[in-house]
C-alpha atoms as a PDB file:
ATOM      1  CA  MET A   1     -22.157  15.494  20.098  1.00  0.00           C
ATOM      2  CA  LEU A   2     -23.585  18.369  18.111  1.00  0.00           C
ATOM      3  CA  THR A   3     -21.476  21.329  17.175  1.00  0.00           C
ATOM      4  CA  SER A   4     -23.366  24.378  18.321  1.00  0.00           C
ATOM      5  CA  ASN A   5     -20.819  27.074  17.449  1.00  0.00           C
ATOM      6  CA  HIS A   6     -21.981  29.345  20.237  1.00  0.00           C
ATOM      7  CA  LYS A   7     -25.617  29.813  19.364  1.00  0.00           C
ATOM      8  CA  GLU A   8     -27.574  32.669  20.856  1.00  0.00           C
ATOM      9  CA  ILE A   9     -30.806  31.531  22.449  1.00  0.00           C
ATOM     10  CA  LYS A  10     -33.912  33.618  21.955  1.00  0.00           C
ATOM     11  CA  PHE A  11     -37.426  33.040  23.198  1.00  0.00           C
ATOM     12  CA  TYR A  12     -40.270  33.104  20.711  1.00  0.00           C
ATOM     13  CA  LYS A  13     -42.809  35.848  21.353  1.00  0.00           C
ATOM     14  CA  SER A  14     -46.379  35.565  20.126  1.00  0.00           C
ATOM     15  CA  PRO A  15     -47.858  38.397  18.025  1.00  0.00           C
ATOM     16  CA  SER A  16     -49.422  39.693  21.265  1.00  0.00           C
ATOM     17  CA  GLY A  17     -45.957  39.837  22.879  1.00  0.00           C
ATOM     18  CA  LYS A  18     -46.276  36.842  25.222  1.00  0.00           C
ATOM     19  CA  SER A  19     -43.312  34.510  25.702  1.00  0.00           C
ATOM     20  CA  PRO A  20     -44.421  30.890  26.179  1.00  0.00           C
ATOM     21  CA  ILE A  21     -40.900  29.987  27.379  1.00  0.00           C
ATOM     22  CA  ASP A  22     -40.941  32.672  30.082  1.00  0.00           C
ATOM     23  CA  GLU A  23     -44.352  31.403  31.174  1.00  0.00           C
ATOM     24  CA  PHE A  24     -43.063  27.817  31.236  1.00  0.00           C
ATOM     25  CA  LEU A  25     -39.992  28.772  33.298  1.00  0.00           C
ATOM     26  CA  ASP A  26     -42.231  30.700  35.709  1.00  0.00           C
ATOM     27  CA  SER A  27     -44.299  27.527  36.231  1.00  0.00           C
ATOM     28  CA  LEU A  28     -41.247  25.558  37.433  1.00  0.00           C
ATOM     29  CA  SER A  29     -39.788  25.446  40.909  1.00  0.00           C
ATOM     30  CA  ALA A  30     -36.700  27.610  41.442  1.00  0.00           C
ATOM     31  CA  LYS A  31     -34.453  24.525  41.324  1.00  0.00           C
ATOM     32  CA  GLU A  32     -36.062  23.219  38.111  1.00  0.00           C
ATOM     33  CA  ALA A  33     -35.867  26.607  36.393  1.00  0.00           C
ATOM     34  CA  GLN A  34     -32.229  26.972  37.482  1.00  0.00           C
ATOM     35  CA  LYS A  35     -31.347  23.619  35.854  1.00  0.00           C
ATOM     36  CA  VAL A  36     -33.126  24.536  32.601  1.00  0.00           C
ATOM     37  CA  VAL A  37     -31.331  27.905  32.479  1.00  0.00           C
ATOM     38  CA  TRP A  38     -28.003  26.136  33.168  1.00  0.00           C
ATOM     39  CA  VAL A  39     -28.594  23.854  30.156  1.00  0.00           C
ATOM     40  CA  LEU A  40     -29.442  26.909  28.014  1.00  0.00           C
ATOM     41  CA  SER A  41     -26.184  28.576  29.060  1.00  0.00           C
ATOM     42  CA  LEU A  42     -24.252  25.413  28.082  1.00  0.00           C
ATOM     43  CA  ILE A  43     -25.767  25.584  24.596  1.00  0.00           C
ATOM     44  CA  GLU A  44     -24.769  29.224  24.254  1.00  0.00           C
ATOM     45  CA  GLU A  45     -21.247  28.829  25.624  1.00  0.00           C
ATOM     46  CA  MET A  46     -19.947  25.409  24.536  1.00  0.00           C
ATOM     47  CA  GLU A  47     -18.329  24.664  21.163  1.00  0.00           C
ATOM     48  CA  THR A  48     -19.919  21.205  21.133  1.00  0.00           C
ATOM     49  CA  ILE A  49     -22.930  20.134  23.107  1.00  0.00           C
ATOM     50  CA  SER A  50     -23.915  16.624  24.129  1.00  0.00           C
ATOM     51  CA  THR A  51     -27.113  15.202  22.680  1.00  0.00           C
ATOM     52  CA  LYS A  52     -28.012  14.639  26.325  1.00  0.00           C
ATOM     53  CA  PHE A  53     -28.881  18.358  26.324  1.00  0.00           C
ATOM     54  CA  TYR A  54     -29.533  19.335  22.695  1.00  0.00           C
ATOM     55  CA  LYS A  55     -30.645  17.367  19.681  1.00  0.00           C
ATOM     56  CA  ARG A  56     -32.519  17.600  16.427  1.00  0.00           C
ATOM     57  CA  LEU A  57     -35.722  15.593  16.428  1.00  0.00           C
ATOM     58  CA  SER A  58     -35.863  13.101  13.585  1.00  0.00           C
ATOM     59  CA  ASN A  59     -38.592  13.514  10.965  1.00  0.00           C
ATOM     60  CA  CYS A  60     -39.726  16.792  12.498  1.00  0.00           C
ATOM     61  CA  ASP A  61     -38.734  19.331   9.853  1.00  0.00           C
ATOM     62  CA  GLY A  62     -35.857  21.014  11.694  1.00  0.00           C
ATOM     63  CA  ILE A  63     -37.320  21.080  15.202  1.00  0.00           C
ATOM     64  CA  ILE A  64     -34.703  20.880  17.954  1.00  0.00           C
ATOM     65  CA  GLU A  65     -35.116  19.710  21.523  1.00  0.00           C
ATOM     66  CA  VAL A  66     -33.361  21.120  24.583  1.00  0.00           C
ATOM     67  CA  ARG A  67     -33.318  18.564  27.397  1.00  0.00           C
ATOM     68  CA  ALA A  68     -33.021  19.059  31.142  1.00  0.00           C
ATOM     69  CA  GLN A  69     -33.481  16.506  33.889  1.00  0.00           C
ATOM     70  CA  ILE A  70     -33.960  17.087  37.594  1.00  0.00           C
ATOM     71  CA  GLY A  71     -34.251  13.822  39.508  1.00  0.00           C
ATOM     72  CA  LYS A  72     -36.958  11.801  37.766  1.00  0.00           C
ATOM     73  CA  ASN A  73     -38.448  14.886  36.084  1.00  0.00           C
ATOM     74  CA  ASN A  74     -37.631  15.528  32.440  1.00  0.00           C
ATOM     75  CA  PHE A  75     -38.187  18.939  30.932  1.00  0.00           C
ATOM     76  CA  ARG A  76     -38.118  19.753  27.242  1.00  0.00           C
ATOM     77  CA  LEU A  77     -37.961  22.962  25.288  1.00  0.00           C
ATOM     78  CA  LEU A  78     -38.659  22.795  21.577  1.00  0.00           C
ATOM     79  CA  GLY A  79     -37.645  25.259  18.927  1.00  0.00           C
ATOM     80  CA  PHE A  80     -35.640  25.700  15.760  1.00  0.00           C
ATOM     81  CA  GLU A  81     -32.371  27.115  14.499  1.00  0.00           C
ATOM     82  CA  ASP A  82     -32.501  30.410  12.620  1.00  0.00           C
ATOM     83  CA  LYS A  83     -29.691  31.401  10.246  1.00  0.00           C
ATOM     84  CA  GLY A  84     -27.330  29.002  12.043  1.00  0.00           C
ATOM     85  CA  THR A  85     -26.613  31.499  14.828  1.00  0.00           C
ATOM     86  CA  PHE A  86     -29.835  31.621  16.826  1.00  0.00           C
ATOM     87  CA  VAL A  87     -31.911  29.014  18.588  1.00  0.00           C
ATOM     88  CA  ILE A  88     -35.499  30.206  18.856  1.00  0.00           C
ATOM     89  CA  LEU A  89     -37.312  28.326  21.627  1.00  0.00           C
ATOM     90  CA  THR A  90     -41.055  28.097  21.072  1.00  0.00           C
ATOM     91  CA  ASN A  91     -42.541  25.916  23.807  1.00  0.00           C
ATOM     92  CA  GLY A  92     -41.671  23.932  26.902  1.00  0.00           C
ATOM     93  CA  PHE A  93     -43.251  21.050  28.784  1.00  0.00           C
ATOM     94  CA  LYS A  94     -42.643  18.366  31.378  1.00  0.00           C
ATOM     95  CA  LYS A  95     -42.018  15.114  29.520  1.00  0.00           C
ATOM     96  CA  LYS A  96     -43.981  12.154  30.826  1.00  0.00           C
ATOM     97  CA  ASP A  97     -43.381   9.525  28.119  1.00  0.00           C
ATOM     98  CA  GLN A  98     -40.542   8.312  25.921  1.00  0.00           C
ATOM     99  CA  LYS A  99     -41.870  10.152  22.891  1.00  0.00           C
ATOM    100  CA  VAL A 100     -42.205  13.898  22.472  1.00  0.00           C
ATOM    101  CA  PRO A 101     -45.969  14.571  22.108  1.00  0.00           C
ATOM    102  CA  LYS A 102     -47.016  15.274  18.515  1.00  0.00           C
ATOM    103  CA  SER A 103     -49.061  18.240  19.772  1.00  0.00           C
ATOM    104  CA  GLU A 104     -45.891  19.869  21.162  1.00  0.00           C
ATOM    105  CA  ILE A 105     -44.015  19.291  17.879  1.00  0.00           C
ATOM    106  CA  SER A 106     -46.936  20.724  15.893  1.00  0.00           C
ATOM    107  CA  LEU A 107     -46.996  23.763  18.170  1.00  0.00           C
ATOM    108  CA  ALA A 108     -43.258  24.320  17.659  1.00  0.00           C
ATOM    109  CA  GLN A 109     -43.674  24.033  13.876  1.00  0.00           C
ATOM    110  CA  LYS A 110     -46.654  26.412  13.854  1.00  0.00           C
ATOM    111  CA  ARG A 111     -44.775  29.002  15.923  1.00  0.00           C
ATOM    112  CA  ARG A 112     -41.661  28.618  13.754  1.00  0.00           C
ATOM    113  CA  ASP A 113     -43.666  29.209  10.579  1.00  0.00           C
ATOM    114  CA  GLU A 114     -45.426  32.203  12.126  1.00  0.00           C
ATOM    115  CA  TYR A 115     -42.117  33.640  13.409  1.00  0.00           C
ATOM    116  CA  LEU A 116     -40.354  33.269  10.071  1.00  0.00           C
ATOM    117  CA  SER A 117     -43.317  34.729   8.143  1.00  0.00           C
ATOM    118  CA  ARG A 118     -43.233  37.889  10.298  1.00  0.00           C
ATOM    119  CA  GLY A 119     -39.723  38.704   9.105  1.00  0.00           C
ATOM    120  CA  ASP A 120     -38.792  40.288  12.449  1.00  0.00           C
ATOM    121  CA  GLN A 121     -36.292  37.655  13.446  1.00  0.00           C
ATOM    122  CA  HIS A 122     -33.616  40.001  14.747  1.00  0.00           C
ATOM    123  CA  GLU A 123     -35.597  42.269  17.043  1.00  0.00           C
END
C-alpha cells in the first residue's frame, strides 16, 4: 500500500498544448477508458492506494506507474509526483510484456524534465 494523501491528477501538456494522456484515453474503447478513469479517481480519493493500481518504478528516478487491467489487457500510465500533491501523467500505453518498456520510461522522464523546466506547474 502506498499512502497517496489525496493527490490531484493532472495531465502533462506538451509545449504545443497537446495532452498525450487525453490522446491515449481517446484511443481506448469506452469500457477500457472508463476503467482507467476509475483507477485515476481511486488515486485522487483514497487515503492509501494499493500497489495493484499505483506504484513507484524502481531505479527510474521518481517515475510512477498507474495500472489498470481489463480482462487480459493491461494499461499503464506513467508520470511523476510534483510537490507531493500532484501526480502529473505523461504517457500511456497498452502493456504487452512483464517489463515496462525503457522507451516509455525515457519518454516520461523527458516530459517530466521539460515540464519542471517550464516552471508553469500550477496552470
